[in-house]
Amino acid sequence: MITQLEKKLKVHVTMTAKRNIQSKWIKTHKSQMRPRNRTLTAVHEAILDDLIQPSVILAKRIRVRLDGTKLHKINLD
């Protein structure tokens, strides 16, 4: 579908799905659990997979600098 749109429009096309991040603390009943696909990290990983759709992620590294900023390094196929 994306390749067909790119051929038709002659530009790069990126499609991401609407994803919901559910809070850790919001529950209507105490027996309920938050689904794994609605956690913050799972949603961010899914968006990253959507953005680099034709390639495959080989490795991910997170480097934390002394000032507290984070640098994400991603190796693609």
N, C-alpha and C. Protein backbone atom coordinates (compact mmCIF):
# COMPACT_ATOMS: atom_id res chain seq x y z
N MET A 1 0.81 -1.18 0.00
CA MET A 1 0.00 0.00 0.00
C MET A 1 0.87 1.26 0.00
N ILE A 2 1.91 1.27 0.83
CA ILE A 2 2.78 2.44 0.90
C ILE A 2 3.56 2.61 -0.39
N THR A 3 4.05 1.51 -0.95
CA THR A 3 4.80 1.61 -2.20
C THR A 3 3.92 2.11 -3.34
N GLN A 4 2.66 1.72 -3.34
CA GLN A 4 1.74 2.20 -4.36
C GLN A 4 1.51 3.70 -4.23
N LEU A 5 1.38 4.18 -2.99
CA LEU A 5 1.21 5.61 -2.77
C LEU A 5 2.46 6.39 -3.18
N GLU A 6 3.64 5.83 -2.87
CA GLU A 6 4.88 6.50 -3.24
C GLU A 6 5.03 6.60 -4.76
N LYS A 7 4.62 5.55 -5.46
CA LYS A 7 4.69 5.59 -6.93
C LYS A 7 3.71 6.61 -7.49
N LYS A 8 2.54 6.68 -6.91
CA LYS A 8 1.51 7.59 -7.40
C LYS A 8 1.86 9.05 -7.11
N LEU A 9 2.32 9.33 -5.90
CA LEU A 9 2.59 10.70 -5.49
C LEU A 9 4.02 11.15 -5.76
N LYS A 10 4.93 10.20 -5.98
CA LYS A 10 6.34 10.47 -6.23
C LYS A 10 7.02 11.21 -5.08
N VAL A 11 6.62 10.89 -3.86
CA VAL A 11 7.26 11.40 -2.64
C VAL A 11 7.32 10.25 -1.65
N HIS A 12 8.14 10.40 -0.60
CA HIS A 12 8.20 9.39 0.44
C HIS A 12 6.97 9.49 1.33
N VAL A 13 6.36 8.37 1.63
CA VAL A 13 5.14 8.33 2.42
C VAL A 13 5.41 7.57 3.72
N THR A 14 4.94 8.13 4.82
CA THR A 14 5.06 7.47 6.13
C THR A 14 3.67 7.40 6.74
N MET A 15 3.30 6.21 7.19
CA MET A 15 2.00 6.03 7.83
C MET A 15 2.23 5.49 9.24
N THR A 16 1.62 6.13 10.20
CA THR A 16 1.67 5.62 11.57
C THR A 16 0.24 5.45 12.07
N ALA A 17 0.06 4.47 12.90
CA ALA A 17 -1.28 4.21 13.44
C ALA A 17 -1.48 5.04 14.69
N LYS A 18 -2.73 5.29 15.02
CA LYS A 18 -3.02 5.98 16.26
C LYS A 18 -2.87 4.98 17.40
N ARG A 19 -2.02 5.31 18.33
CA ARG A 19 -1.75 4.39 19.44
C ARG A 19 -2.05 5.10 20.76
N ASN A 20 -2.59 4.38 21.71
CA ASN A 20 -2.96 4.96 23.00
C ASN A 20 -1.99 4.50 24.08
N ILE A 21 -1.50 5.47 24.85
CA ILE A 21 -0.68 5.15 26.02
C ILE A 21 -1.60 5.22 27.23
N GLN A 22 -1.66 4.13 27.95
CA GLN A 22 -2.55 4.07 29.10
C GLN A 22 -1.72 4.25 30.37
N SER A 23 -2.21 5.06 31.27
CA SER A 23 -1.50 5.34 32.51
C SER A 23 -1.40 4.09 33.37
N LYS A 24 -0.34 4.05 34.14
CA LYS A 24 -0.13 2.93 35.06
C LYS A 24 -1.18 2.89 36.16
N TRP A 25 -1.70 4.05 36.50
CA TRP A 25 -2.51 4.16 37.70
C TRP A 25 -4.02 4.20 37.42
N ILE A 26 -4.44 4.36 36.19
CA ILE A 26 -5.87 4.45 35.87
C ILE A 26 -6.45 3.04 35.72
N LYS A 27 -7.31 2.68 36.64
CA LYS A 27 -8.01 1.39 36.57
C LYS A 27 -9.41 1.62 37.13
N THR A 28 -10.40 0.97 36.53
CA THR A 28 -11.74 1.08 37.07
C THR A 28 -12.00 0.01 38.12
N HIS A 29 -11.28 -1.07 38.04
CA HIS A 29 -11.41 -2.15 39.02
C HIS A 29 -10.02 -2.67 39.35
N LYS A 30 -9.78 -3.07 40.57
CA LYS A 30 -8.41 -3.45 40.94
C LYS A 30 -7.94 -4.77 40.32
N SER A 31 -8.84 -5.55 39.77
CA SER A 31 -8.42 -6.79 39.11
C SER A 31 -7.98 -6.56 37.67
N GLN A 32 -8.20 -5.34 37.15
CA GLN A 32 -7.83 -5.05 35.77
C GLN A 32 -6.32 -4.84 35.64
N MET A 33 -5.79 -5.25 34.49
CA MET A 33 -4.38 -5.04 34.21
C MET A 33 -4.26 -4.21 32.93
N ARG A 34 -3.17 -3.47 32.84
CA ARG A 34 -2.91 -2.67 31.64
C ARG A 34 -2.32 -3.57 30.57
N PRO A 35 -2.85 -3.53 29.34
CA PRO A 35 -2.29 -4.36 28.27
C PRO A 35 -0.87 -3.92 27.92
N ARG A 36 -0.04 -4.86 27.53
CA ARG A 36 1.36 -4.58 27.21
C ARG A 36 1.48 -3.61 26.02
N ASN A 37 0.57 -3.69 25.06
CA ASN A 37 0.70 -2.83 23.89
C ASN A 37 0.28 -1.39 24.16
N ARG A 38 -0.17 -1.07 25.37
CA ARG A 38 -0.54 0.30 25.71
C ARG A 38 0.43 0.93 26.69
N THR A 39 1.56 0.30 26.95
CA THR A 39 2.58 0.91 27.80
C THR A 39 3.36 1.93 26.99
N LEU A 40 4.06 2.81 27.68
CA LEU A 40 4.80 3.88 27.03
C LEU A 40 5.88 3.33 26.11
N THR A 41 6.68 2.39 26.58
CA THR A 41 7.77 1.87 25.77
C THR A 41 7.26 1.06 24.59
N ALA A 42 6.19 0.31 24.78
CA ALA A 42 5.65 -0.49 23.68
C ALA A 42 5.09 0.41 22.58
N VAL A 43 4.46 1.51 22.95
CA VAL A 43 3.92 2.44 21.96
C VAL A 43 5.05 3.13 21.21
N HIS A 44 6.09 3.54 21.92
CA HIS A 44 7.22 4.19 21.26
C HIS A 44 7.95 3.24 20.31
N GLU A 45 8.12 2.00 20.69
CA GLU A 45 8.74 1.01 19.80
C GLU A 45 7.89 0.74 18.56
N ALA A 46 6.58 0.71 18.74
CA ALA A 46 5.68 0.48 17.60
C ALA A 46 5.71 1.65 16.63
N ILE A 47 5.79 2.87 17.15
CA ILE A 47 5.89 4.04 16.27
C ILE A 47 7.20 4.03 15.52
N LEU A 48 8.30 3.65 16.19
CA LEU A 48 9.59 3.55 15.53
C LEU A 48 9.56 2.50 14.43
N ASP A 49 8.93 1.38 14.68
CA ASP A 49 8.78 0.34 13.64
C ASP A 49 7.97 0.84 12.46
N ASP A 50 6.95 1.65 12.73
CA ASP A 50 6.15 2.23 11.64
C ASP A 50 6.97 3.19 10.80
N LEU A 51 7.84 3.97 11.45
CA LEU A 51 8.60 4.99 10.73
C LEU A 51 9.67 4.38 9.82
N ILE A 52 10.26 3.27 10.22
CA ILE A 52 11.33 2.66 9.40
C ILE A 52 10.82 1.39 8.75
N GLN A 53 9.62 1.41 8.28
CA GLN A 53 8.86 0.26 7.81
C GLN A 53 9.60 -0.69 6.87
N PRO A 54 10.27 -0.26 5.80
CA PRO A 54 10.85 -1.28 4.91
C PRO A 54 12.09 -1.96 5.48
N SER A 55 12.78 -1.35 6.44
CA SER A 55 13.99 -1.99 6.97
C SER A 55 13.72 -2.68 8.30
N VAL A 56 14.75 -3.36 8.80
CA VAL A 56 14.63 -4.15 10.02
C VAL A 56 15.61 -3.60 11.05
N ILE A 57 15.18 -3.51 12.31
CA ILE A 57 16.06 -3.05 13.38
C ILE A 57 16.94 -4.21 13.81
N LEU A 58 18.25 -4.01 13.75
CA LEU A 58 19.19 -5.05 14.18
C LEU A 58 19.58 -4.87 15.64
N ALA A 59 19.81 -3.63 16.07
CA ALA A 59 20.23 -3.39 17.45
C ALA A 59 19.77 -2.02 17.90
N LYS A 60 19.49 -1.90 19.20
CA LYS A 60 19.14 -0.62 19.80
C LYS A 60 20.03 -0.41 21.01
N ARG A 61 20.54 0.81 21.14
CA ARG A 61 21.36 1.15 22.29
C ARG A 61 20.89 2.49 22.83
N ILE A 62 20.86 2.63 24.13
CA ILE A 62 20.54 3.90 24.76
C ILE A 62 21.76 4.32 25.57
N ARG A 63 22.28 5.50 25.22
CA ARG A 63 23.45 6.01 25.92
C ARG A 63 22.99 7.20 26.75
N VAL A 64 23.24 7.16 28.05
CA VAL A 64 22.87 8.25 28.95
C VAL A 64 24.11 9.08 29.21
N ARG A 65 24.03 10.36 28.88
CA ARG A 65 25.17 11.25 29.07
C ARG A 65 25.20 11.76 30.51
N LEU A 66 26.29 12.43 30.87
CA LEU A 66 26.46 12.91 32.24
C LEU A 66 25.42 13.97 32.62
N ASP A 67 24.95 14.74 31.64
CA ASP A 67 23.94 15.76 31.95
C ASP A 67 22.52 15.19 32.00
N GLY A 68 22.35 13.89 31.79
CA GLY A 68 21.05 13.24 31.92
C GLY A 68 20.30 13.05 30.61
N THR A 69 20.82 13.60 29.51
CA THR A 69 20.14 13.41 28.23
C THR A 69 20.41 12.01 27.71
N LYS A 70 19.48 11.51 26.92
CA LYS A 70 19.59 10.16 26.38
C LYS A 70 19.82 10.22 24.88
N LEU A 71 20.69 9.36 24.40
CA LEU A 71 20.98 9.25 22.98
C LEU A 71 20.62 7.84 22.55
N HIS A 72 19.68 7.72 21.62
CA HIS A 72 19.26 6.42 21.12
C HIS A 72 20.00 6.12 19.84
N LYS A 73 20.69 4.99 19.80
CA LYS A 73 21.37 4.55 18.58
C LYS A 73 20.66 3.31 18.07
N ILE A 74 20.34 3.33 16.79
CA ILE A 74 19.60 2.22 16.20
C ILE A 74 20.34 1.77 14.96
N ASN A 75 20.68 0.48 14.89
CA ASN A 75 21.30 -0.10 13.70
C ASN A 75 20.23 -0.75 12.85
N LEU A 76 20.19 -0.36 11.59
CA LEU A 76 19.20 -0.89 10.66
C LEU A 76 19.82 -1.88 9.70
N ASP A 77 18.99 -2.70 9.12
CA ASP A 77 19.44 -3.67 8.13
C ASP A 77 19.63 -2.99 6.81
